[in-house]
Amino acid sequence: MTRRVVEYLGPWLLDHPDRLEIHETEGERGATVLELTVDPEDMGKIIGKRGRIIRSIRSLARAAGQTDGNTVLVEVVD
């Protein structure tokens, strides 16, 4: 569910949504970690001013993960 939320937001936020890659791994204490890789030109757009966009994405992913009973972390990878 959380992966689909991030996939849905990609085309709305990025100039190159086809270059959005999401790698799902398991972190500490069973948390799900979503690692986002975007086009270098879109790095500022996914982070936003003062990190507002990525904070919002993290909040939405965390809320979607709670329905599954998972802890979700979202990280942007260079």
PDB file of N, CA and C in Angstrom:
ATOM      1  N   MET A   1       0.822  -1.201   0.000  1.00  0.00           N
ATOM      2  CA  MET A   1       0.000   0.000   0.000  1.00  0.00           C
ATOM      3  C   MET A   1       0.865   1.263   0.000  1.00  0.00           C
ATOM      4  N   THR A   2       1.889   1.293   0.838  1.00  0.00           N
ATOM      5  CA  THR A   2       2.714   2.502   0.944  1.00  0.00           C
ATOM      6  C   THR A   2       3.477   2.772  -0.345  1.00  0.00           C
ATOM      7  N   ARG A   3       3.938   1.709  -0.985  1.00  0.00           N
ATOM      8  CA  ARG A   3       4.659   1.873  -2.248  1.00  0.00           C
ATOM      9  C   ARG A   3       3.741   2.506  -3.300  1.00  0.00           C
ATOM     10  N   ARG A   4       2.491   2.086  -3.316  1.00  0.00           N
ATOM     11  CA  ARG A   4       1.542   2.630  -4.294  1.00  0.00           C
ATOM     12  C   ARG A   4       1.269   4.105  -4.046  1.00  0.00           C
ATOM     13  N   VAL A   5       1.283   4.529  -2.800  1.00  0.00           N
ATOM     14  CA  VAL A   5       1.082   5.948  -2.488  1.00  0.00           C
ATOM     15  C   VAL A   5       2.216   6.777  -3.081  1.00  0.00           C
ATOM     16  N   VAL A   6       3.443   6.323  -2.895  1.00  0.00           N
ATOM     17  CA  VAL A   6       4.603   7.055  -3.420  1.00  0.00           C
ATOM     18  C   VAL A   6       4.609   7.015  -4.953  1.00  0.00           C
ATOM     19  N   GLU A   7       4.252   5.880  -5.540  1.00  0.00           N
ATOM     20  CA  GLU A   7       4.171   5.787  -7.002  1.00  0.00           C
ATOM     21  C   GLU A   7       3.109   6.728  -7.561  1.00  0.00           C
ATOM     22  N   TYR A   8       2.018   6.894  -6.839  1.00  0.00           N
ATOM     23  CA  TYR A   8       0.950   7.788  -7.276  1.00  0.00           C
ATOM     24  C   TYR A   8       1.406   9.249  -7.252  1.00  0.00           C
ATOM     25  N   LEU A   9       2.188   9.631  -6.249  1.00  0.00           N
ATOM     26  CA  LEU A   9       2.627  11.019  -6.116  1.00  0.00           C
ATOM     27  C   LEU A   9       3.701  11.406  -7.120  1.00  0.00           C
ATOM     28  N   GLY A  10       4.468  10.452  -7.611  1.00  0.00           N
ATOM     29  CA  GLY A  10       5.582  10.728  -8.523  1.00  0.00           C
ATOM     30  C   GLY A  10       5.233  11.588  -9.729  1.00  0.00           C
ATOM     31  N   PRO A  11       4.249  11.215 -10.540  1.00  0.00           N
ATOM     32  CA  PRO A  11       3.924  12.018 -11.722  1.00  0.00           C
ATOM     33  C   PRO A  11       3.463  13.440 -11.391  1.00  0.00           C
ATOM     34  N   TRP A  12       2.915  13.647 -10.214  1.00  0.00           N
ATOM     35  CA  TRP A  12       2.438  14.969  -9.835  1.00  0.00           C
ATOM     36  C   TRP A  12       3.585  15.884  -9.400  1.00  0.00           C
ATOM     37  N   LEU A  13       4.659  15.309  -8.903  1.00  0.00           N
ATOM     38  CA  LEU A  13       5.738  16.106  -8.329  1.00  0.00           C
ATOM     39  C   LEU A  13       6.951  16.260  -9.237  1.00  0.00           C
ATOM     40  N   LEU A  14       7.205  15.295 -10.098  1.00  0.00           N
ATOM     41  CA  LEU A  14       8.463  15.238 -10.834  1.00  0.00           C
ATOM     42  C   LEU A  14       8.296  15.597 -12.306  1.00  0.00           C
ATOM     43  N   ASP A  15       9.363  16.158 -12.887  1.00  0.00           N
ATOM     44  CA  ASP A  15       9.385  16.410 -14.325  1.00  0.00           C
ATOM     45  C   ASP A  15       9.677  15.130 -15.102  1.00  0.00           C
ATOM     46  N   HIS A  16      10.407  14.212 -14.479  1.00  0.00           N
ATOM     47  CA  HIS A  16      10.767  12.930 -15.100  1.00  0.00           C
ATOM     48  C   HIS A  16      10.257  11.780 -14.228  1.00  0.00           C
ATOM     49  N   PRO A  17       8.937  11.578 -14.181  1.00  0.00           N
ATOM     50  CA  PRO A  17       8.397  10.536 -13.295  1.00  0.00           C
ATOM     51  C   PRO A  17       8.792   9.122 -13.709  1.00  0.00           C
ATOM     52  N   ASP A  18       9.163   8.937 -14.979  1.00  0.00           N
ATOM     53  CA  ASP A  18       9.578   7.616 -15.435  1.00  0.00           C
ATOM     54  C   ASP A  18      10.926   7.198 -14.846  1.00  0.00           C
ATOM     55  N   ARG A  19      11.680   8.146 -14.305  1.00  0.00           N
ATOM     56  CA  ARG A  19      12.989   7.844 -13.712  1.00  0.00           C
ATOM     57  C   ARG A  19      12.903   7.630 -12.201  1.00  0.00           C
ATOM     58  N   LEU A  20      11.698   7.646 -11.663  1.00  0.00           N
ATOM     59  CA  LEU A  20      11.502   7.381 -10.237  1.00  0.00           C
ATOM     60  C   LEU A  20      11.660   5.886  -9.989  1.00  0.00           C
ATOM     61  N   GLU A  21      12.585   5.547  -9.100  1.00  0.00           N
ATOM     62  CA  GLU A  21      12.792   4.157  -8.714  1.00  0.00           C
ATOM     63  C   GLU A  21      12.561   4.043  -7.213  1.00  0.00           C
ATOM     64  N   ILE A  22      11.845   3.005  -6.821  1.00  0.00           N
ATOM     65  CA  ILE A  22      11.549   2.773  -5.410  1.00  0.00           C
ATOM     66  C   ILE A  22      12.061   1.388  -5.051  1.00  0.00           C
ATOM     67  N   HIS A  23      13.016   1.353  -4.124  1.00  0.00           N
ATOM     68  CA  HIS A  23      13.555   0.084  -3.636  1.00  0.00           C
ATOM     69  C   HIS A  23      13.049  -0.123  -2.217  1.00  0.00           C
ATOM     70  N   GLU A  24      12.426  -1.237  -2.005  1.00  0.00           N
ATOM     71  CA  GLU A  24      11.842  -1.541  -0.702  1.00  0.00           C
ATOM     72  C   GLU A  24      12.750  -2.524   0.028  1.00  0.00           C
ATOM     73  N   THR A  25      13.217  -2.138   1.210  1.00  0.00           N
ATOM     74  CA  THR A  25      14.073  -3.001   2.013  1.00  0.00           C
ATOM     75  C   THR A  25      13.535  -3.059   3.439  1.00  0.00           C
ATOM     76  N   GLU A  26      14.095  -3.963   4.211  1.00  0.00           N
ATOM     77  CA  GLU A  26      13.703  -4.074   5.609  1.00  0.00           C
ATOM     78  C   GLU A  26      14.768  -3.422   6.470  1.00  0.00           C
ATOM     79  N   GLY A  27      14.340  -2.540   7.350  1.00  0.00           N
ATOM     80  CA  GLY A  27      15.252  -1.824   8.221  1.00  0.00           C
ATOM     81  C   GLY A  27      15.262  -2.415   9.616  1.00  0.00           C
ATOM     82  N   GLU A  28      15.693  -1.604  10.556  1.00  0.00           N
ATOM     83  CA  GLU A  28      15.761  -2.034  11.943  1.00  0.00           C
ATOM     84  C   GLU A  28      14.367  -2.290  12.504  1.00  0.00           C
ATOM     85  N   ARG A  29      14.277  -3.271  13.372  1.00  0.00           N
ATOM     86  CA  ARG A  29      13.037  -3.613  14.081  1.00  0.00           C
ATOM     87  C   ARG A  29      11.872  -3.909  13.142  1.00  0.00           C
ATOM     88  N   GLY A  30      12.176  -4.424  11.958  1.00  0.00           N
ATOM     89  CA  GLY A  30      11.126  -4.810  11.027  1.00  0.00           C
ATOM     90  C   GLY A  30      10.485  -3.674  10.256  1.00  0.00           C
ATOM     91  N   ALA A  31      11.069  -2.482  10.313  1.00  0.00           N
ATOM     92  CA  ALA A  31      10.518  -1.333   9.592  1.00  0.00           C
ATOM     93  C   ALA A  31      10.738  -1.512   8.090  1.00  0.00           C
ATOM     94  N   THR A  32       9.819  -1.029   7.305  1.00  0.00           N
ATOM     95  CA  THR A  32       9.951  -1.022   5.852  1.00  0.00           C
ATOM     96  C   THR A  32      10.600   0.293   5.445  1.00  0.00           C
ATOM     97  N   VAL A  33      11.681   0.190   4.661  1.00  0.00           N
ATOM     98  CA  VAL A  33      12.387   1.376   4.195  1.00  0.00           C
ATOM     99  C   VAL A  33      12.175   1.498   2.694  1.00  0.00           C
ATOM    100  N   LEU A  34      11.628   2.622   2.263  1.00  0.00           N
ATOM    101  CA  LEU A  34      11.465   2.915   0.844  1.00  0.00           C
ATOM    102  C   LEU A  34      12.565   3.886   0.444  1.00  0.00           C
ATOM    103  N   GLU A  35      13.461   3.431  -0.432  1.00  0.00           N
ATOM    104  CA  GLU A  35      14.545   4.281  -0.913  1.00  0.00           C
ATOM    105  C   GLU A  35      14.162   4.812  -2.288  1.00  0.00           C
ATOM    106  N   LEU A  36      14.052   6.135  -2.399  1.00  0.00           N
ATOM    107  CA  LEU A  36      13.645   6.764  -3.643  1.00  0.00           C
ATOM    108  C   LEU A  36      14.870   7.262  -4.397  1.00  0.00           C
ATOM    109  N   THR A  37      14.939   6.938  -5.673  1.00  0.00           N
ATOM    110  CA  THR A  37      15.970   7.453  -6.557  1.00  0.00           C
ATOM    111  C   THR A  37      15.263   8.209  -7.672  1.00  0.00           C
ATOM    112  N   VAL A  38      15.651   9.462  -7.887  1.00  0.00           N
ATOM    113  CA  VAL A  38      15.019  10.293  -8.910  1.00  0.00           C
ATOM    114  C   VAL A  38      16.095  10.873  -9.830  1.00  0.00           C
ATOM    115  N   ASP A  39      15.653  11.447 -10.936  1.00  0.00           N
ATOM    116  CA  ASP A  39      16.542  12.149 -11.846  1.00  0.00           C
ATOM    117  C   ASP A  39      17.219  13.289 -11.079  1.00  0.00           C
ATOM    118  N   PRO A  40      18.505  13.542 -11.324  1.00  0.00           N
ATOM    119  CA  PRO A  40      19.190  14.629 -10.600  1.00  0.00           C
ATOM    120  C   PRO A  40      18.493  15.987 -10.722  1.00  0.00           C
ATOM    121  N   GLU A  41      17.830  16.245 -11.832  1.00  0.00           N
ATOM    122  CA  GLU A  41      17.116  17.507 -12.003  1.00  0.00           C
ATOM    123  C   GLU A  41      15.890  17.595 -11.082  1.00  0.00           C
ATOM    124  N   ASP A  42      15.359  16.453 -10.673  1.00  0.00           N
ATOM    125  CA  ASP A  42      14.165  16.419  -9.833  1.00  0.00           C
ATOM    126  C   ASP A  42      14.476  16.332  -8.339  1.00  0.00           C
ATOM    127  N   MET A  43      15.745  16.300  -7.976  1.00  0.00           N
ATOM    128  CA  MET A  43      16.116  16.143  -6.565  1.00  0.00           C
ATOM    129  C   MET A  43      15.527  17.273  -5.720  1.00  0.00           C
ATOM    130  N   GLY A  44      15.618  18.495  -6.179  1.00  0.00           N
ATOM    131  CA  GLY A  44      15.070  19.630  -5.430  1.00  0.00           C
ATOM    132  C   GLY A  44      13.558  19.590  -5.334  1.00  0.00           C
ATOM    133  N   LYS A  45      12.912  19.051  -6.355  1.00  0.00           N
ATOM    134  CA  LYS A  45      11.449  18.995  -6.346  1.00  0.00           C
ATOM    135  C   LYS A  45      10.931  17.946  -5.370  1.00  0.00           C
ATOM    136  N   ILE A  46      11.650  16.832  -5.233  1.00  0.00           N
ATOM    137  CA  ILE A  46      11.183  15.789  -4.320  1.00  0.00           C
ATOM    138  C   ILE A  46      11.453  16.177  -2.867  1.00  0.00           C
ATOM    139  N   ILE A  47      12.485  16.991  -2.641  1.00  0.00           N
ATOM    140  CA  ILE A  47      12.798  17.430  -1.285  1.00  0.00           C
ATOM    141  C   ILE A  47      11.974  18.661  -0.914  1.00  0.00           C
ATOM    142  N   GLY A  48      11.879  19.616  -1.812  1.00  0.00           N
ATOM    143  CA  GLY A  48      11.094  20.820  -1.554  1.00  0.00           C
ATOM    144  C   GLY A  48      11.844  21.836  -0.709  1.00  0.00           C
ATOM    145  N   LYS A  49      11.264  23.017  -0.595  1.00  0.00           N
ATOM    146  CA  LYS A  49      11.876  24.064   0.219  1.00  0.00           C
ATOM    147  C   LYS A  49      11.859  23.641   1.683  1.00  0.00           C
ATOM    148  N   ARG A  50      13.030  23.678   2.275  1.00  0.00           N
ATOM    149  CA  ARG A  50      13.208  23.301   3.684  1.00  0.00           C
ATOM    150  C   ARG A  50      12.703  21.888   3.985  1.00  0.00           C
ATOM    151  N   GLY A  51      12.650  21.037   2.951  1.00  0.00           N
ATOM    152  CA  GLY A  51      12.263  19.648   3.156  1.00  0.00           C
ATOM    153  C   GLY A  51      10.785  19.410   3.340  1.00  0.00           C
ATOM    154  N   ARG A  52       9.970  20.359   2.951  1.00  0.00           N
ATOM    155  CA  ARG A  52       8.528  20.233   3.188  1.00  0.00           C
ATOM    156  C   ARG A  52       7.885  19.108   2.387  1.00  0.00           C
ATOM    157  N   ILE A  53       8.290  18.952   1.128  1.00  0.00           N
ATOM    158  CA  ILE A  53       7.672  17.928   0.271  1.00  0.00           C
ATOM    159  C   ILE A  53       8.021  16.530   0.783  1.00  0.00           C
ATOM    160  N   ILE A  54       9.299  16.281   1.065  1.00  0.00           N
ATOM    161  CA  ILE A  54       9.684  14.946   1.520  1.00  0.00           C
ATOM    162  C   ILE A  54       9.078  14.650   2.888  1.00  0.00           C
ATOM    163  N   ARG A  55       8.931  15.655   3.732  1.00  0.00           N
ATOM    164  CA  ARG A  55       8.270  15.447   5.024  1.00  0.00           C
ATOM    165  C   ARG A  55       6.816  15.036   4.824  1.00  0.00           C
ATOM    166  N   SER A  56       6.164  15.658   3.857  1.00  0.00           N
ATOM    167  CA  SER A  56       4.768  15.307   3.564  1.00  0.00           C
ATOM    168  C   SER A  56       4.665  13.893   3.003  1.00  0.00           C
ATOM    169  N   ILE A  57       5.588  13.526   2.127  1.00  0.00           N
ATOM    170  CA  ILE A  57       5.594  12.167   1.571  1.00  0.00           C
ATOM    171  C   ILE A  57       5.801  11.156   2.689  1.00  0.00           C
ATOM    172  N   ARG A  58       6.725  11.465   3.601  1.00  0.00           N
ATOM    173  CA  ARG A  58       6.976  10.563   4.727  1.00  0.00           C
ATOM    174  C   ARG A  58       5.736  10.409   5.602  1.00  0.00           C
ATOM    175  N   SER A  59       5.032  11.505   5.834  1.00  0.00           N
ATOM    176  CA  SER A  59       3.817  11.443   6.655  1.00  0.00           C
ATOM    177  C   SER A  59       2.743  10.591   5.994  1.00  0.00           C
ATOM    178  N   LEU A  60       2.555  10.776   4.688  1.00  0.00           N
ATOM    179  CA  LEU A  60       1.562   9.973   3.970  1.00  0.00           C
ATOM    180  C   LEU A  60       1.937   8.498   3.955  1.00  0.00           C
ATOM    181  N   ALA A  61       3.216   8.208   3.739  1.00  0.00           N
ATOM    182  CA  ALA A  61       3.670   6.818   3.712  1.00  0.00           C
ATOM    183  C   ALA A  61       3.517   6.186   5.090  1.00  0.00           C
ATOM    184  N   ARG A  62       3.829   6.936   6.133  1.00  0.00           N
ATOM    185  CA  ARG A  62       3.690   6.427   7.499  1.00  0.00           C
ATOM    186  C   ARG A  62       2.222   6.112   7.799  1.00  0.00           C
ATOM    187  N   ALA A  63       1.324   7.006   7.384  1.00  0.00           N
ATOM    188  CA  ALA A  63      -0.110   6.793   7.614  1.00  0.00           C
ATOM    189  C   ALA A  63      -0.609   5.584   6.827  1.00  0.00           C
ATOM    190  N   ALA A  64      -0.164   5.435   5.589  1.00  0.00           N
ATOM    191  CA  ALA A  64      -0.574   4.280   4.787  1.00  0.00           C
ATOM    192  C   ALA A  64      -0.007   2.992   5.370  1.00  0.00           C
ATOM    193  N   GLY A  65       1.186   3.054   5.935  1.00  0.00           N
ATOM    194  CA  GLY A  65       1.797   1.874   6.539  1.00  0.00           C
ATOM    195  C   GLY A  65       1.090   1.427   7.800  1.00  0.00           C
ATOM    196  N   GLN A  66       0.477   2.347   8.507  1.00  0.00           N
ATOM    197  CA  GLN A  66      -0.227   1.987   9.733  1.00  0.00           C
ATOM    198  C   GLN A  66      -1.431   1.111   9.455  1.00  0.00           C
ATOM    199  N   THR A  67      -2.038   1.256   8.284  1.00  0.00           N
ATOM    200  CA  THR A  67      -3.166   0.391   7.941  1.00  0.00           C
ATOM    201  C   THR A  67      -2.703  -1.050   7.769  1.00  0.00           C
ATOM    202  N   ASP A  68      -1.428  -1.221   7.358  1.00  0.00           N
ATOM    203  CA  ASP A  68      -0.856  -2.560   7.207  1.00  0.00           C
ATOM    204  C   ASP A  68      -0.197  -3.044   8.490  1.00  0.00           C
ATOM    205  N   GLY A  69      -0.066  -2.161   9.475  1.00  0.00           N
ATOM    206  CA  GLY A  69       0.602  -2.515  10.716  1.00  0.00           C
ATOM    207  C   GLY A  69       2.110  -2.423  10.638  1.00  0.00           C
ATOM    208  N   ASN A  70       2.632  -1.678   9.658  1.00  0.00           N
ATOM    209  CA  ASN A  70       4.080  -1.539   9.460  1.00  0.00           C
ATOM    210  C   ASN A  70       4.558  -0.154   9.837  1.00  0.00           C
ATOM    211  N   THR A  71       5.825  -0.088  10.228  1.00  0.00           N
ATOM    212  CA  THR A  71       6.500   1.184  10.369  1.00  0.00           C
ATOM    213  C   THR A  71       7.206   1.459   9.052  1.00  0.00           C
ATOM    214  N   VAL A  72       7.037   2.646   8.496  1.00  0.00           N
ATOM    215  CA  VAL A  72       7.584   2.960   7.178  1.00  0.00           C
ATOM    216  C   VAL A  72       8.513   4.147   7.266  1.00  0.00           C
ATOM    217  N   LEU A  73       9.679   4.029   6.637  1.00  0.00           N
ATOM    218  CA  LEU A  73      10.634   5.114   6.528  1.00  0.00           C
ATOM    219  C   LEU A  73      10.854   5.396   5.045  1.00  0.00           C
ATOM    220  N   VAL A  74      10.953   6.665   4.669  1.00  0.00           N
ATOM    221  CA  VAL A  74      11.196   7.040   3.287  1.00  0.00           C
ATOM    222  C   VAL A  74      12.502   7.822   3.240  1.00  0.00           C
ATOM    223  N   GLU A  75      13.420   7.377   2.374  1.00  0.00           N
ATOM    224  CA  GLU A  75      14.716   8.023   2.214  1.00  0.00           C
ATOM    225  C   GLU A  75      14.933   8.354   0.744  1.00  0.00           C
ATOM    226  N   VAL A  76      15.570   9.493   0.478  1.00  0.00           N
ATOM    227  CA  VAL A  76      15.939   9.874  -0.882  1.00  0.00           C
ATOM    228  C   VAL A  76      17.411   9.557  -1.057  1.00  0.00           C
ATOM    229  N   VAL A  77      17.730   8.786  -2.085  1.00  0.00           N
ATOM    230  CA  VAL A  77      19.099   8.348  -2.349  1.00  0.00           C
ATOM    231  C   VAL A  77      19.650   9.129  -3.533  1.00  0.00           C
ATOM    232  N   ASP A  78      20.899   9.561  -3.418  1.00  0.00           N
ATOM    233  CA  ASP A  78      21.545  10.278  -4.540  1.00  0.00           C
ATOM    234  C   ASP A  78      21.787   9.365  -5.700  1.00  0.00           C
TER     235      ASP A  78
END
